[in-house]
Amino acid sequence: MKKIHIKKGDTVYVNAGNDKGKTGKVLSVAPAKDRAIVEGINMVTKATKPNTKQPQGGLIKQESPIHISNLQLIDPKSGKPTRVGYKMDGDKKVRYAKKSGEEIK
């Protein structure tokens, strides 16, 4: 399995595509497809039939998955996009921001 540099709950920056320059929170990650769903990013309009959730039916806007290569983690210290590194902290492997060296929770 490939190594994914982002996790659910991370704040990320979009560096390519129609939403370039925007930031959002990761809602879910699909490692098998190398894609993530980010809050408010890559919105699509979908037509739905009436059901119990939406008795009217009609058009709804929802997030669509975006490739993880188009996402960068936001540095917790500076608030700017950064690359992610891994290091051993005792017997635990932790992620850290390459720009500031700050550990990512």
Protein backbone atom coordinates (compact mmCIF):
# COMPACT_ATOMS: atom_id res chain seq x y z
CA MET A 1 0.00 0.00 0.00
CA LYS A 2 1.18 3.52 -0.77
CA LYS A 3 2.08 6.04 1.91
CA ILE A 4 -0.52 8.79 2.22
CA HIS A 5 0.77 12.10 3.59
CA ILE A 6 -2.64 13.40 4.71
CA LYS A 7 -5.19 12.05 7.16
CA LYS A 8 -8.82 12.68 8.02
CA GLY A 9 -9.15 15.93 9.95
CA ASP A 10 -6.04 17.61 8.47
CA THR A 11 -6.27 21.11 7.01
CA VAL A 12 -4.94 21.11 3.46
CA TYR A 13 -4.11 23.58 0.67
CA VAL A 14 -5.16 22.85 -2.93
CA ASN A 15 -2.20 23.49 -5.27
CA ALA A 16 -3.77 22.47 -8.60
CA GLY A 17 -7.14 22.38 -10.33
CA ASN A 18 -10.20 24.64 -10.39
CA ASP A 19 -10.02 25.28 -6.63
CA LYS A 20 -6.31 26.19 -6.63
CA GLY A 21 -5.37 28.37 -3.66
CA LYS A 22 -8.25 27.29 -1.41
CA THR A 23 -7.94 25.48 1.91
CA GLY A 24 -10.24 23.00 3.59
CA LYS A 25 -10.55 20.20 6.10
CA VAL A 26 -10.16 16.58 4.95
CA LEU A 27 -13.43 14.67 5.45
CA SER A 28 -12.23 11.27 4.22
CA VAL A 29 -9.28 9.60 2.50
CA ALA A 30 -9.34 6.68 0.03
CA PRO A 31 -5.75 5.30 -0.03
CA ALA A 32 -6.56 2.65 -2.65
CA LYS A 33 -7.61 5.34 -5.14
CA ASP A 34 -5.13 8.05 -3.95
CA ARG A 35 -8.03 10.46 -3.43
CA ALA A 36 -9.46 12.55 -0.62
CA ILE A 37 -12.69 14.44 -0.04
CA VAL A 38 -12.07 17.98 1.21
CA GLU A 39 -14.75 20.20 2.73
CA GLY A 40 -15.94 22.83 0.21
CA ILE A 41 -13.46 21.75 -2.51
CA ASN A 42 -14.26 20.21 -5.93
CA MET A 43 -18.02 20.75 -5.56
CA VAL A 44 -20.31 19.03 -8.09
CA THR A 45 -24.03 19.35 -8.72
CA LYS A 46 -25.91 16.07 -8.58
CA ALA A 47 -29.52 15.38 -9.53
CA THR A 48 -31.38 13.24 -7.01
CA LYS A 49 -34.78 11.60 -6.98
CA PRO A 50 -37.13 12.25 -4.06
CA ASN A 51 -36.38 10.06 -1.03
CA THR A 52 -36.87 10.15 2.74
CA LYS A 53 -33.92 12.50 3.28
CA GLN A 54 -34.88 14.83 0.43
CA PRO A 55 -38.65 14.63 -0.17
CA GLN A 56 -38.39 17.29 -2.89
CA GLY A 57 -35.48 15.72 -4.74
CA GLY A 58 -33.75 18.03 -7.22
CA LEU A 59 -30.21 19.32 -7.48
CA ILE A 60 -27.78 19.04 -4.57
CA LYS A 61 -24.19 20.25 -4.30
CA GLN A 62 -21.64 17.89 -2.77
CA GLU A 63 -17.88 17.41 -2.56
CA SER A 64 -16.18 15.15 -5.07
CA PRO A 65 -12.86 13.34 -4.43
CA ILE A 66 -9.65 15.13 -5.41
CA HIS A 67 -6.28 13.46 -6.07
CA ILE A 68 -3.91 13.69 -3.10
CA SER A 69 -1.05 14.90 -5.31
CA ASN A 70 -3.00 18.17 -5.62
CA LEU A 71 -3.09 18.67 -1.84
CA GLN A 72 -0.48 19.98 0.61
CA LEU A 73 -0.72 19.96 4.37
CA ILE A 74 -0.94 23.35 6.15
CA ASP A 75 1.98 24.00 8.51
CA PRO A 76 0.60 24.29 12.08
CA LYS A 77 3.17 26.98 12.97
CA SER A 78 3.15 29.34 9.95
CA GLY A 79 -0.20 28.49 8.35
CA LYS A 80 1.43 28.01 4.94
CA PRO A 81 1.57 24.85 2.77
CA THR A 82 4.39 22.46 3.57
CA ARG A 83 5.72 19.05 2.67
CA VAL A 84 5.44 16.22 5.19
CA GLY A 85 8.30 14.24 6.66
CA TYR A 86 8.40 11.26 9.00
CA LYS A 87 10.71 10.69 11.95
CA MET A 88 10.94 8.34 14.89
CA ASP A 89 10.02 9.77 18.29
CA GLY A 90 11.13 7.02 20.64
CA ASP A 91 9.32 3.98 19.28
CA LYS A 92 6.57 5.96 17.50
CA LYS A 93 6.65 7.22 13.92
CA VAL A 94 5.41 10.83 13.74
CA ARG A 95 4.69 13.28 10.93
CA TYR A 96 6.38 16.67 10.90
CA ALA A 97 6.24 19.79 8.72
CA LYS A 98 9.39 20.10 6.60
CA LYS A 99 9.11 23.92 6.53
CA SER A 100 9.13 24.55 10.29
CA GLY A 101 10.06 21.17 11.78
CA GLU A 102 6.86 21.31 13.87
CA GLU A 103 5.28 17.95 14.76
CA ILE A 104 1.85 17.38 13.19
CA LYS A 105 -0.80 16.02 15.52
